[in-house]
């Protein structure tokens, strides 16, 4: 049995996050995560769950995939990834959420789509 499974069975999930339930970053299920500059010494100093997330993110991967690979709830993965991002050890790829849309332009596009022949 690997270290992650053994540890996760013994420790409550809130202990992994220090009791925190809200991440520092807005992380959607489809948000992509990657490691811009891998540091083996940093990895060695992490708790097993955070180390596993850091190692998996060496290849660009979504939040949903991280959660599924490690069988850790998405809410916990969000907090742990957010902690890694706060240390600039992982890169959070932007999603549509970060872009501000102009309401007037969106309404004009919608009006134009409605005028298209069916």
PDB file of N, CA and C in Angstrom:
ATOM      1  N   UNK A   1       0.849  -1.185   0.000  1.00  0.00           N
ATOM      2  CA  UNK A   1       0.000   0.000   0.000  1.00  0.00           C
ATOM      3  C   UNK A   1       0.890   1.243   0.000  1.00  0.00           C
ATOM      4  N   UNK A   2       0.562   2.237  -0.829  1.00  0.00           N
ATOM      5  CA  UNK A   2       1.413   3.419  -0.905  1.00  0.00           C
ATOM      6  C   UNK A   2       1.157   4.372   0.269  1.00  0.00           C
ATOM      7  N   UNK A   3       2.064   5.315   0.442  1.00  0.00           N
ATOM      8  CA  UNK A   3       2.022   6.238   1.571  1.00  0.00           C
ATOM      9  C   UNK A   3       0.756   7.084   1.579  1.00  0.00           C
ATOM     10  N   UNK A   4       0.300   7.507   0.414  1.00  0.00           N
ATOM     11  CA  UNK A   4      -0.874   8.374   0.346  1.00  0.00           C
ATOM     12  C   UNK A   4      -2.109   7.648   0.840  1.00  0.00           C
ATOM     13  N   UNK A   5      -2.333   6.410   0.389  1.00  0.00           N
ATOM     14  CA  UNK A   5      -3.517   5.681   0.819  1.00  0.00           C
ATOM     15  C   UNK A   5      -3.464   5.406   2.313  1.00  0.00           C
ATOM     16  N   UNK A   6      -2.294   5.027   2.804  1.00  0.00           N
ATOM     17  CA  UNK A   6      -2.174   4.733   4.230  1.00  0.00           C
ATOM     18  C   UNK A   6      -2.465   5.987   5.057  1.00  0.00           C
ATOM     19  N   UNK A   7      -1.885   7.086   4.689  1.00  0.00           N
ATOM     20  CA  UNK A   7      -2.053   8.315   5.447  1.00  0.00           C
ATOM     21  C   UNK A   7      -3.486   8.820   5.372  1.00  0.00           C
ATOM     22  N   UNK A   8      -4.092   8.804   4.193  1.00  0.00           N
ATOM     23  CA  UNK A   8      -5.437   9.318   4.020  1.00  0.00           C
ATOM     24  C   UNK A   8      -6.453   8.505   4.812  1.00  0.00           C
ATOM     25  N   UNK A   9      -6.190   7.230   5.022  1.00  0.00           N
ATOM     26  CA  UNK A   9      -7.106   6.411   5.810  1.00  0.00           C
ATOM     27  C   UNK A   9      -7.016   6.730   7.292  1.00  0.00           C
ATOM     28  N   UNK A  10      -5.879   7.189   7.744  1.00  0.00           N
ATOM     29  CA  UNK A  10      -5.677   7.443   9.165  1.00  0.00           C
ATOM     30  C   UNK A  10      -5.994   8.876   9.566  1.00  0.00           C
ATOM     31  N   UNK A  11      -5.838   9.812   8.665  1.00  0.00           N
ATOM     32  CA  UNK A  11      -5.975  11.231   8.998  1.00  0.00           C
ATOM     33  C   UNK A  11      -7.244  11.787   8.377  1.00  0.00           C
ATOM     34  N   UNK A  12      -7.995  12.502   9.169  1.00  0.00           N
ATOM     35  CA  UNK A  12      -9.199  13.160   8.661  1.00  0.00           C
ATOM     36  C   UNK A  12      -8.799  14.220   7.636  1.00  0.00           C
ATOM     37  N   UNK A  13      -9.663  14.393   6.645  1.00  0.00           N
ATOM     38  CA  UNK A  13      -9.340  15.320   5.554  1.00  0.00           C
ATOM     39  C   UNK A  13      -9.136  16.746   6.039  1.00  0.00           C
ATOM     40  N   UNK A  14      -9.891  17.178   7.050  1.00  0.00           N
ATOM     41  CA  UNK A  14      -9.711  18.550   7.518  1.00  0.00           C
ATOM     42  C   UNK A  14      -8.330  18.754   8.135  1.00  0.00           C
ATOM     43  N   UNK A  15      -7.708  17.689   8.577  1.00  0.00           N
ATOM     44  CA  UNK A  15      -6.348  17.808   9.121  1.00  0.00           C
ATOM     45  C   UNK A  15      -5.348  18.104   8.003  1.00  0.00           C
ATOM     46  N   UNK A  16      -5.615  17.593   6.810  1.00  0.00           N
ATOM     47  CA  UNK A  16      -4.718  17.850   5.672  1.00  0.00           C
ATOM     48  C   UNK A  16      -4.713  19.325   5.285  1.00  0.00           C
ATOM     49  N   UNK A  17      -5.844  19.978   5.490  1.00  0.00           N
ATOM     50  CA  UNK A  17      -5.970  21.383   5.094  1.00  0.00           C
ATOM     51  C   UNK A  17      -5.833  22.320   6.278  1.00  0.00           C
ATOM     52  N   UNK A  18      -5.517  21.782   7.433  1.00  0.00           N
ATOM     53  CA  UNK A  18      -5.414  22.619   8.625  1.00  0.00           C
ATOM     54  C   UNK A  18      -6.765  23.175   9.035  1.00  0.00           C
ATOM     55  N   UNK A  19      -7.836  22.469   8.683  1.00  0.00           N
ATOM     56  CA  UNK A  19      -9.184  22.918   9.019  1.00  0.00           C
ATOM     57  C   UNK A  19      -9.754  23.930   8.044  1.00  0.00           C
ATOM     58  N   UNK A  20      -8.959  24.345   7.059  1.00  0.00           N
ATOM     59  CA  UNK A  20      -9.434  25.333   6.085  1.00  0.00           C
ATOM     60  C   UNK A  20     -10.336  24.671   5.055  1.00  0.00           C
ATOM     61  N   UNK A  21     -11.372  25.365   4.668  1.00  0.00           N
ATOM     62  CA  UNK A  21     -12.292  24.834   3.652  1.00  0.00           C
ATOM     63  C   UNK A  21     -12.319  25.689   2.395  1.00  0.00           C
ATOM     64  N   UNK A  22     -11.744  26.878   2.457  1.00  0.00           N
ATOM     65  CA  UNK A  22     -11.756  27.777   1.301  1.00  0.00           C
ATOM     66  C   UNK A  22     -10.346  27.973   0.762  1.00  0.00           C
ATOM     67  N   UNK A  23     -10.182  27.742  -0.527  1.00  0.00           N
ATOM     68  CA  UNK A  23      -8.861  27.976  -1.131  1.00  0.00           C
ATOM     69  C   UNK A  23      -8.603  29.476  -1.315  1.00  0.00           C
ATOM     70  N   UNK A  24      -7.368  29.824  -1.497  1.00  0.00           N
ATOM     71  CA  UNK A  24      -6.984  31.225  -1.716  1.00  0.00           C
ATOM     72  C   UNK A  24      -7.256  31.657  -3.150  1.00  0.00           C
ATOM     73  N   UNK A  25      -7.382  30.694  -4.045  1.00  0.00           N
ATOM     74  CA  UNK A  25      -7.599  30.969  -5.467  1.00  0.00           C
ATOM     75  C   UNK A  25      -8.932  30.363  -5.900  1.00  0.00           C
ATOM     76  N   UNK A  26      -9.512  30.950  -6.947  1.00  0.00           N
ATOM     77  CA  UNK A  26     -10.754  30.406  -7.499  1.00  0.00           C
ATOM     78  C   UNK A  26     -10.370  29.271  -8.452  1.00  0.00           C
ATOM     79  N   UNK A  27     -10.628  28.036  -8.033  1.00  0.00           N
ATOM     80  CA  UNK A  27     -10.235  26.865  -8.817  1.00  0.00           C
ATOM     81  C   UNK A  27     -11.470  26.077  -9.229  1.00  0.00           C
ATOM     82  N   UNK A  28     -11.738  26.095 -10.530  1.00  0.00           N
ATOM     83  CA  UNK A  28     -12.869  25.353 -11.074  1.00  0.00           C
ATOM     84  C   UNK A  28     -12.454  23.908 -11.330  1.00  0.00           C
ATOM     85  N   UNK A  29     -13.422  23.057 -11.520  1.00  0.00           N
ATOM     86  CA  UNK A  29     -13.162  21.641 -11.813  1.00  0.00           C
ATOM     87  C   UNK A  29     -12.260  21.503 -13.036  1.00  0.00           C
ATOM     88  N   UNK A  30     -12.475  22.354 -14.029  1.00  0.00           N
ATOM     89  CA  UNK A  30     -11.710  22.256 -15.282  1.00  0.00           C
ATOM     90  C   UNK A  30     -10.414  23.060 -15.274  1.00  0.00           C
ATOM     91  N   UNK A  31     -10.114  23.761 -14.199  1.00  0.00           N
ATOM     92  CA  UNK A  31      -8.889  24.555 -14.118  1.00  0.00           C
ATOM     93  C   UNK A  31      -7.672  23.649 -14.301  1.00  0.00           C
ATOM     94  N   UNK A  32      -6.773  24.076 -15.169  1.00  0.00           N
ATOM     95  CA  UNK A  32      -5.552  23.319 -15.419  1.00  0.00           C
ATOM     96  C   UNK A  32      -4.434  23.810 -14.504  1.00  0.00           C
ATOM     97  N   UNK A  33      -3.654  22.863 -14.022  1.00  0.00           N
ATOM     98  CA  UNK A  33      -2.553  23.131 -13.107  1.00  0.00           C
ATOM     99  C   UNK A  33      -1.277  22.551 -13.712  1.00  0.00           C
ATOM    100  N   UNK A  34      -0.158  23.258 -13.539  1.00  0.00           N
ATOM    101  CA  UNK A  34       1.126  22.714 -13.984  1.00  0.00           C
ATOM    102  C   UNK A  34       2.232  23.225 -13.059  1.00  0.00           C
ATOM    103  N   UNK A  35       3.366  22.557 -13.131  1.00  0.00           N
ATOM    104  CA  UNK A  35       4.548  22.946 -12.358  1.00  0.00           C
ATOM    105  C   UNK A  35       5.506  23.625 -13.329  1.00  0.00           C
ATOM    106  N   UNK A  36       5.726  24.937 -13.161  1.00  0.00           N
ATOM    107  CA  UNK A  36       6.601  25.635 -14.103  1.00  0.00           C
ATOM    108  C   UNK A  36       8.082  25.258 -13.968  1.00  0.00           C
ATOM    109  N   UNK A  37       8.546  25.089 -12.742  1.00  0.00           N
ATOM    110  CA  UNK A  37       9.951  24.756 -12.494  1.00  0.00           C
ATOM    111  C   UNK A  37       9.999  23.734 -11.369  1.00  0.00           C
ATOM    112  N   UNK A  38      10.192  22.499 -11.728  1.00  0.00           N
ATOM    113  CA  UNK A  38      10.180  21.418 -10.742  1.00  0.00           C
ATOM    114  C   UNK A  38      11.369  21.516  -9.802  1.00  0.00           C
ATOM    115  N   UNK A  39      11.103  21.352  -8.503  1.00  0.00           N
ATOM    116  CA  UNK A  39      12.150  21.403  -7.483  1.00  0.00           C
ATOM    117  C   UNK A  39      12.065  20.134  -6.634  1.00  0.00           C
ATOM    118  N   UNK A  40      12.971  19.169  -6.842  1.00  0.00           N
ATOM    119  CA  UNK A  40      12.914  17.914  -6.093  1.00  0.00           C
ATOM    120  C   UNK A  40      13.074  18.102  -4.582  1.00  0.00           C
ATOM    121  N   UNK A  41      13.857  19.075  -4.154  1.00  0.00           N
ATOM    122  CA  UNK A  41      14.019  19.323  -2.714  1.00  0.00           C
ATOM    123  C   UNK A  41      12.718  19.821  -2.102  1.00  0.00           C
ATOM    124  N   UNK A  42      12.033  20.702  -2.816  1.00  0.00           N
ATOM    125  CA  UNK A  42      10.737  21.190  -2.337  1.00  0.00           C
ATOM    126  C   UNK A  42       9.759  20.031  -2.230  1.00  0.00           C
ATOM    127  N   UNK A  43       9.725  19.194  -3.253  1.00  0.00           N
ATOM    128  CA  UNK A  43       8.832  18.038  -3.278  1.00  0.00           C
ATOM    129  C   UNK A  43       9.071  17.122  -2.086  1.00  0.00           C
ATOM    130  N   UNK A  44      10.330  16.877  -1.776  1.00  0.00           N
ATOM    131  CA  UNK A  44      10.682  15.975  -0.675  1.00  0.00           C
ATOM    132  C   UNK A  44      10.203  16.493   0.675  1.00  0.00           C
ATOM    133  N   UNK A  45      10.050  17.790   0.823  1.00  0.00           N
ATOM    134  CA  UNK A  45       9.631  18.378   2.086  1.00  0.00           C
ATOM    135  C   UNK A  45       8.132  18.484   2.280  1.00  0.00           C
ATOM    136  N   UNK A  46       7.362  18.074   1.270  1.00  0.00           N
ATOM    137  CA  UNK A  46       5.897  18.188   1.348  1.00  0.00           C
ATOM    138  C   UNK A  46       5.270  16.980   2.038  1.00  0.00           C
ATOM    139  N   UNK A  47       4.062  17.189   2.567  1.00  0.00           N
ATOM    140  CA  UNK A  47       3.271  16.066   3.072  1.00  0.00           C
ATOM    141  C   UNK A  47       2.923  15.170   1.888  1.00  0.00           C
ATOM    142  N   UNK A  48       2.667  13.893   2.107  1.00  0.00           N
ATOM    143  CA  UNK A  48       2.435  12.957   0.991  1.00  0.00           C
ATOM    144  C   UNK A  48       1.358  13.403  -0.001  1.00  0.00           C
ATOM    145  N   UNK A  49       0.256  13.949   0.480  1.00  0.00           N
ATOM    146  CA  UNK A  49      -0.823  14.359  -0.427  1.00  0.00           C
ATOM    147  C   UNK A  49      -0.399  15.541  -1.293  1.00  0.00           C
ATOM    148  N   UNK A  50       0.234  16.522  -0.685  1.00  0.00           N
ATOM    149  CA  UNK A  50       0.703  17.679  -1.452  1.00  0.00           C
ATOM    150  C   UNK A  50       1.824  17.272  -2.406  1.00  0.00           C
ATOM    151  N   UNK A  51       2.686  16.369  -1.966  1.00  0.00           N
ATOM    152  CA  UNK A  51       3.755  15.879  -2.841  1.00  0.00           C
ATOM    153  C   UNK A  51       3.157  15.180  -4.059  1.00  0.00           C
ATOM    154  N   UNK A  52       2.158  14.355  -3.851  1.00  0.00           N
ATOM    155  CA  UNK A  52       1.522  13.643  -4.965  1.00  0.00           C
ATOM    156  C   UNK A  52       0.888  14.629  -5.945  1.00  0.00           C
ATOM    157  N   UNK A  53       0.241  15.666  -5.434  1.00  0.00           N
ATOM    158  CA  UNK A  53      -0.355  16.683  -6.311  1.00  0.00           C
ATOM    159  C   UNK A  53       0.733  17.407  -7.097  1.00  0.00           C
ATOM    160  N   UNK A  54       1.804  17.766  -6.418  1.00  0.00           N
ATOM    161  CA  UNK A  54       2.918  18.470  -7.052  1.00  0.00           C
ATOM    162  C   UNK A  54       3.546  17.602  -8.151  1.00  0.00           C
ATOM    163  N   UNK A  55       3.737  16.335  -7.853  1.00  0.00           N
ATOM    164  CA  UNK A  55       4.331  15.421  -8.836  1.00  0.00           C
ATOM    165  C   UNK A  55       3.406  15.233 -10.043  1.00  0.00           C
ATOM    166  N   UNK A  56       2.106  15.054  -9.798  1.00  0.00           N
ATOM    167  CA  UNK A  56       1.161  14.874 -10.907  1.00  0.00           C
ATOM    168  C   UNK A  56       1.092  16.117 -11.789  1.00  0.00           C
ATOM    169  N   UNK A  57       1.233  17.288 -11.177  1.00  0.00           N
ATOM    170  CA  UNK A  57       1.122  18.543 -11.925  1.00  0.00           C
ATOM    171  C   UNK A  57       2.370  18.848 -12.749  1.00  0.00           C
ATOM    172  N   UNK A  58       3.363  17.986 -12.698  1.00  0.00           N
ATOM    173  CA  UNK A  58       4.530  18.178 -13.566  1.00  0.00           C
ATOM    174  C   UNK A  58       4.098  18.114 -15.028  1.00  0.00           C
ATOM    175  N   UNK A  59       3.031  17.386 -15.273  1.00  0.00           N
ATOM    176  CA  UNK A  59       2.376  17.359 -16.585  1.00  0.00           C
ATOM    177  C   UNK A  59       1.056  18.109 -16.387  1.00  0.00           C
ATOM    178  N   UNK A  60       0.726  19.047 -17.246  1.00  0.00           N
ATOM    179  CA  UNK A  60      -0.492  19.838 -17.088  1.00  0.00           C
ATOM    180  C   UNK A  60      -1.692  18.921 -16.883  1.00  0.00           C
ATOM    181  N   UNK A  61      -2.469  19.215 -15.849  1.00  0.00           N
ATOM    182  CA  UNK A  61      -3.560  18.337 -15.434  1.00  0.00           C
ATOM    183  C   UNK A  61      -4.673  19.184 -14.823  1.00  0.00           C
ATOM    184  N   UNK A  62      -5.905  18.725 -14.952  1.00  0.00           N
ATOM    185  CA  UNK A  62      -7.043  19.475 -14.412  1.00  0.00           C
ATOM    186  C   UNK A  62      -7.263  19.156 -12.933  1.00  0.00           C
ATOM    187  N   UNK A  63      -7.984  20.032 -12.280  1.00  0.00           N
ATOM    188  CA  UNK A  63      -8.325  19.816 -10.872  1.00  0.00           C
ATOM    189  C   UNK A  63      -9.109  18.511 -10.713  1.00  0.00           C
ATOM    190  N   UNK A  64     -10.026  18.249 -11.621  1.00  0.00           N
ATOM    191  CA  UNK A  64     -10.833  17.022 -11.544  1.00  0.00           C
ATOM    192  C   UNK A  64      -9.945  15.784 -11.636  1.00  0.00           C
ATOM    193  N   UNK A  65      -8.967  15.823 -12.533  1.00  0.00           N
ATOM    194  CA  UNK A  65      -8.066  14.683 -12.682  1.00  0.00           C
ATOM    195  C   UNK A  65      -7.202  14.483 -11.445  1.00  0.00           C
ATOM    196  N   UNK A  66      -6.743  15.567 -10.847  1.00  0.00           N
ATOM    197  CA  UNK A  66      -5.951  15.455  -9.623  1.00  0.00           C
ATOM    198  C   UNK A  66      -6.768  14.776  -8.527  1.00  0.00           C
ATOM    199  N   UNK A  67      -7.992  15.224  -8.371  1.00  0.00           N
ATOM    200  CA  UNK A  67      -8.871  14.650  -7.355  1.00  0.00           C
ATOM    201  C   UNK A  67      -9.123  13.173  -7.618  1.00  0.00           C
ATOM    202  N   UNK A  68      -9.377  12.828  -8.867  1.00  0.00           N
ATOM    203  CA  UNK A  68      -9.676  11.435  -9.227  1.00  0.00           C
ATOM    204  C   UNK A  68      -8.451  10.532  -9.067  1.00  0.00           C
ATOM    205  N   UNK A  69      -7.302  11.003  -9.504  1.00  0.00           N
ATOM    206  CA  UNK A  69      -6.086  10.187  -9.398  1.00  0.00           C
ATOM    207  C   UNK A  69      -5.747   9.838  -7.955  1.00  0.00           C
ATOM    208  N   UNK A  70      -5.957  10.788  -7.063  1.00  0.00           N
ATOM    209  CA  UNK A  70      -5.559  10.586  -5.669  1.00  0.00           C
ATOM    210  C   UNK A  70      -6.720  10.181  -4.764  1.00  0.00           C
ATOM    211  N   UNK A  71      -7.917  10.108  -5.326  1.00  0.00           N
ATOM    212  CA  UNK A  71      -9.144   9.823  -4.564  1.00  0.00           C
ATOM    213  C   UNK A  71      -9.231  10.695  -3.312  1.00  0.00           C
ATOM    214  N   UNK A  72      -8.947  11.965  -3.504  1.00  0.00           N
ATOM    215  CA  UNK A  72      -9.091  12.979  -2.468  1.00  0.00           C
ATOM    216  C   UNK A  72     -10.207  13.909  -2.940  1.00  0.00           C
ATOM    217  N   UNK A  73     -11.139  14.278  -2.047  1.00  0.00           N
ATOM    218  CA  UNK A  73     -12.224  15.171  -2.469  1.00  0.00           C
ATOM    219  C   UNK A  73     -11.704  16.461  -3.102  1.00  0.00           C
ATOM    220  N   UNK A  74     -12.442  16.946  -4.088  1.00  0.00           N
ATOM    221  CA  UNK A  74     -12.046  18.139  -4.833  1.00  0.00           C
ATOM    222  C   UNK A  74     -11.831  19.332  -3.905  1.00  0.00           C
ATOM    223  N   UNK A  75     -12.650  19.484  -2.880  1.00  0.00           N
ATOM    224  CA  UNK A  75     -12.508  20.617  -1.957  1.00  0.00           C
ATOM    225  C   UNK A  75     -11.143  20.592  -1.267  1.00  0.00           C
ATOM    226  N   UNK A  76     -10.665  19.424  -0.925  1.00  0.00           N
ATOM    227  CA  UNK A  76      -9.356  19.293  -0.280  1.00  0.00           C
ATOM    228  C   UNK A  76      -8.250  19.590  -1.293  1.00  0.00           C
ATOM    229  N   UNK A  77      -8.395  19.071  -2.504  1.00  0.00           N
ATOM    230  CA  UNK A  77      -7.412  19.320  -3.564  1.00  0.00           C
ATOM    231  C   UNK A  77      -7.320  20.818  -3.840  1.00  0.00           C
ATOM    232  N   UNK A  78      -8.462  21.504  -3.837  1.00  0.00           N
ATOM    233  CA  UNK A  78      -8.458  22.955  -4.079  1.00  0.00           C
ATOM    234  C   UNK A  78      -7.609  23.685  -3.038  1.00  0.00           C
ATOM    235  N   UNK A  79      -7.765  23.330  -1.783  1.00  0.00           N
ATOM    236  CA  UNK A  79      -7.011  23.999  -0.720  1.00  0.00           C
ATOM    237  C   UNK A  79      -5.519  23.683  -0.852  1.00  0.00           C
ATOM    238  N   UNK A  80      -5.188  22.420  -1.089  1.00  0.00           N
ATOM    239  CA  UNK A  80      -3.773  22.032  -1.184  1.00  0.00           C
ATOM    240  C   UNK A  80      -3.091  22.659  -2.402  1.00  0.00           C
ATOM    241  N   UNK A  81      -3.776  22.666  -3.540  1.00  0.00           N
ATOM    242  CA  UNK A  81      -3.215  23.297  -4.748  1.00  0.00           C
ATOM    243  C   UNK A  81      -3.078  24.800  -4.543  1.00  0.00           C
ATOM    244  N   UNK A  82      -4.054  25.392  -3.889  1.00  0.00           N
ATOM    245  CA  UNK A  82      -3.998  26.821  -3.610  1.00  0.00           C
ATOM    246  C   UNK A  82      -2.787  27.157  -2.741  1.00  0.00           C
ATOM    247  N   UNK A  83      -2.482  26.285  -1.788  1.00  0.00           N
ATOM    248  CA  UNK A  83      -1.293  26.480  -0.949  1.00  0.00           C
ATOM    249  C   UNK A  83      -0.016  26.413  -1.790  1.00  0.00           C
ATOM    250  N   UNK A  84       0.040  25.449  -2.699  1.00  0.00           N
ATOM    251  CA  UNK A  84       1.214  25.328  -3.579  1.00  0.00           C
ATOM    252  C   UNK A  84       1.345  26.551  -4.487  1.00  0.00           C
ATOM    253  N   UNK A  85       0.212  27.053  -4.960  1.00  0.00           N
ATOM    254  CA  UNK A  85       0.226  28.234  -5.831  1.00  0.00           C
ATOM    255  C   UNK A  85       0.678  29.471  -5.057  1.00  0.00           C
ATOM    256  N   UNK A  86       0.296  29.564  -3.791  1.00  0.00           N
ATOM    257  CA  UNK A  86       0.706  30.700  -2.965  1.00  0.00           C
ATOM    258  C   UNK A  86       2.222  30.724  -2.777  1.00  0.00           C
ATOM    259  N   UNK A  87       2.847  29.568  -2.895  1.00  0.00           N
ATOM    260  CA  UNK A  87       4.304  29.465  -2.793  1.00  0.00           C
ATOM    261  C   UNK A  87       4.972  29.549  -4.166  1.00  0.00           C
ATOM    262  N   UNK A  88       4.181  29.817  -5.199  1.00  0.00           N
ATOM    263  CA  UNK A  88       4.657  29.900  -6.588  1.00  0.00           C
ATOM    264  C   UNK A  88       5.283  28.600  -7.071  1.00  0.00           C
ATOM    265  N   UNK A  89       4.785  27.479  -6.575  1.00  0.00           N
ATOM    266  CA  UNK A  89       5.324  26.179  -6.982  1.00  0.00           C
ATOM    267  C   UNK A  89       4.473  25.514  -8.052  1.00  0.00           C
ATOM    268  N   UNK A  90       3.227  25.951  -8.210  1.00  0.00           N
ATOM    269  CA  UNK A  90       2.393  25.476  -9.314  1.00  0.00           C
ATOM    270  C   UNK A  90       1.805  26.693 -10.015  1.00  0.00           C
ATOM    271  N   UNK A  91       1.497  26.518 -11.280  1.00  0.00           N
ATOM    272  CA  UNK A  91       0.886  27.570 -12.073  1.00  0.00           C
ATOM    273  C   UNK A  91      -0.570  27.215 -12.303  1.00  0.00           C
ATOM    274  N   UNK A  92      -1.458  28.148 -12.006  1.00  0.00           N
ATOM    275  CA  UNK A  92      -2.890  27.964 -12.252  1.00  0.00           C
ATOM    276  C   UNK A  92      -3.197  28.623 -13.584  1.00  0.00           C
ATOM    277  N   UNK A  93      -3.540  27.809 -14.565  1.00  0.00           N
ATOM    278  CA  UNK A  93      -3.848  28.336 -15.893  1.00  0.00           C
ATOM    279  C   UNK A  93      -5.183  29.081 -15.846  1.00  0.00           C
ATOM    280  N   UNK A  94      -5.267  30.231 -16.492  1.00  0.00           N
ATOM    281  CA  UNK A  94      -6.508  31.008 -16.443  1.00  0.00           C
ATOM    282  C   UNK A  94      -7.666  30.275 -17.121  1.00  0.00           C
ATOM    283  N   UNK A  95      -8.836  30.460 -16.555  1.00  0.00           N
ATOM    284  CA  UNK A  95     -10.073  29.928 -17.151  1.00  0.00           C
ATOM    285  C   UNK A  95     -10.930  31.113 -17.566  1.00  0.00           C
ATOM    286  N   UNK A  96     -12.076  30.849 -18.150  1.00  0.00           N
ATOM    287  CA  UNK A  96     -12.991  31.908 -18.562  1.00  0.00           C
ATOM    288  C   UNK A  96     -13.442  32.773 -17.405  1.00  0.00           C
ATOM    289  N   UNK A  97     -13.372  32.250 -16.193  1.00  0.00           N
ATOM    290  CA  UNK A  97     -13.817  32.986 -15.018  1.00  0.00           C
ATOM    291  C   UNK A  97     -13.011  34.264 -14.798  1.00  0.00           C
ATOM    292  N   UNK A  98     -11.735  34.255 -15.144  1.00  0.00           N
ATOM    293  CA  UNK A  98     -10.882  35.408 -14.853  1.00  0.00           C
ATOM    294  C   UNK A  98     -11.089  36.566 -15.820  1.00  0.00           C
ATOM    295  N   UNK A  99     -11.750  36.321 -16.944  1.00  0.00           N
ATOM    296  CA  UNK A  99     -11.950  37.373 -17.919  1.00  0.00           C
ATOM    297  C   UNK A  99     -13.250  38.117 -17.640  1.00  0.00           C
ATOM    298  N   UNK A 100     -13.188  39.430 -17.713  1.00  0.00           N
ATOM    299  CA  UNK A 100     -14.374  40.254 -17.517  1.00  0.00           C
ATOM    300  C   UNK A 100     -15.031  40.484 -18.880  1.00  0.00           C
ATOM    301  N   UNK A 101     -16.323  40.230 -18.945  1.00  0.00           N
ATOM    302  CA  UNK A 101     -17.046  40.403 -20.193  1.00  0.00           C
ATOM    303  C   UNK A 101     -17.881  41.672 -20.143  1.00  0.00           C
ATOM    304  N   UNK A 102     -17.952  42.346 -21.264  1.00  0.00           N
ATOM    305  CA  UNK A 102     -18.754  43.549 -21.386  1.00  0.00           C
ATOM    306  C   UNK A 102     -20.202  43.129 -21.655  1.00  0.00           C
ATOM    307  N   UNK A 103     -21.092  43.466 -20.736  1.00  0.00           N
ATOM    308  CA  UNK A 103     -22.501  43.068 -20.834  1.00  0.00           C
ATOM    309  C   UNK A 103     -23.139  43.569 -22.128  1.00  0.00           C
ATOM    310  N   UNK A 104     -22.816  44.767 -22.545  1.00  0.00           N
ATOM    311  CA  UNK A 104     -23.408  45.337 -23.761  1.00  0.00           C
ATOM    312  C   UNK A 104     -22.993  44.536 -24.991  1.00  0.00           C
ATOM    313  N   UNK A 105     -21.720  44.190 -25.063  1.00  0.00           N
ATOM    314  CA  UNK A 105     -21.247  43.404 -26.206  1.00  0.00           C
ATOM    315  C   UNK A 105     -21.909  42.033 -26.213  1.00  0.00           C
ATOM    316  N   UNK A 106     -22.034  41.407 -25.058  1.00  0.00           N
ATOM    317  CA  UNK A 106     -22.690  40.095 -24.993  1.00  0.00           C
ATOM    318  C   UNK A 106     -24.147  40.181 -25.432  1.00  0.00           C
ATOM    319  N   UNK A 107     -24.839  41.244 -25.056  1.00  0.00           N
ATOM    320  CA  UNK A 107     -26.231  41.429 -25.476  1.00  0.00           C
ATOM    321  C   UNK A 107     -26.321  41.636 -26.986  1.00  0.00           C
ATOM    322  N   UNK A 108     -25.385  42.394 -27.557  1.00  0.00           N
ATOM    323  CA  UNK A 108     -25.376  42.611 -29.007  1.00  0.00           C
ATOM    324  C   UNK A 108     -25.113  41.299 -29.753  1.00  0.00           C
ATOM    325  N   UNK A 109     -24.210  40.474 -29.236  1.00  0.00           N
ATOM    326  CA  UNK A 109     -23.948  39.187 -29.850  1.00  0.00           C
ATOM    327  C   UNK A 109     -25.182  38.307 -29.792  1.00  0.00           C
ATOM    328  N   UNK A 110     -25.842  38.280 -28.635  1.00  0.00           N
ATOM    329  CA  UNK A 110     -27.071  37.496 -28.485  1.00  0.00           C
ATOM    330  C   UNK A 110     -28.148  37.976 -29.445  1.00  0.00           C
ATOM    331  N   UNK A 111     -28.323  39.280 -29.565  1.00  0.00           N
ATOM    332  CA  UNK A 111     -29.308  39.821 -30.503  1.00  0.00           C
ATOM    333  C   UNK A 111     -28.984  39.399 -31.938  1.00  0.00           C
ATOM    334  N   UNK A 112     -27.694  39.475 -32.285  1.00  0.00           N
ATOM    335  CA  UNK A 112     -27.285  39.069 -33.633  1.00  0.00           C
ATOM    336  C   UNK A 112     -27.532  37.593 -33.873  1.00  0.00           C
ATOM    337  N   UNK A 113     -27.288  36.757 -32.892  1.00  0.00           N
ATOM    338  CA  UNK A 113     -27.548  35.315 -33.036  1.00  0.00           C
ATOM    339  C   UNK A 113     -29.040  35.036 -33.206  1.00  0.00           C
ATOM    340  N   UNK A 114     -29.865  35.786 -32.489  1.00  0.00           N
ATOM    341  CA  UNK A 114     -31.315  35.592 -32.604  1.00  0.00           C
ATOM    342  C   UNK A 114     -31.821  35.973 -33.983  1.00  0.00           C
ATOM    343  N   UNK A 115     -31.127  36.898 -34.663  1.00  0.00           N
ATOM    344  CA  UNK A 115     -31.550  37.360 -35.995  1.00  0.00           C
ATOM    345  C   UNK A 115     -31.113  36.433 -37.111  1.00  0.00           C
ATOM    346  N   UNK A 116     -30.235  35.488 -36.812  1.00  0.00           N
ATOM    347  CA  UNK A 116     -29.769  34.531 -37.836  1.00  0.00           C
ATOM    348  C   UNK A 116     -30.916  33.630 -38.259  1.00  0.00           C
ATOM    349  N   UNK A 117     -30.977  33.313 -39.568  1.00  0.00           N
ATOM    350  CA  UNK A 117     -32.026  32.401 -40.028  1.00  0.00           C
ATOM    351  C   UNK A 117     -31.785  30.988 -39.464  1.00  0.00           C
ATOM    352  N   UNK A 118     -32.874  30.321 -39.180  1.00  0.00           N
ATOM    353  CA  UNK A 118     -32.771  28.973 -38.600  1.00  0.00           C
ATOM    354  C   UNK A 118     -32.538  27.929 -39.618  1.00  0.00           C
TER     355      UNK A 118
END
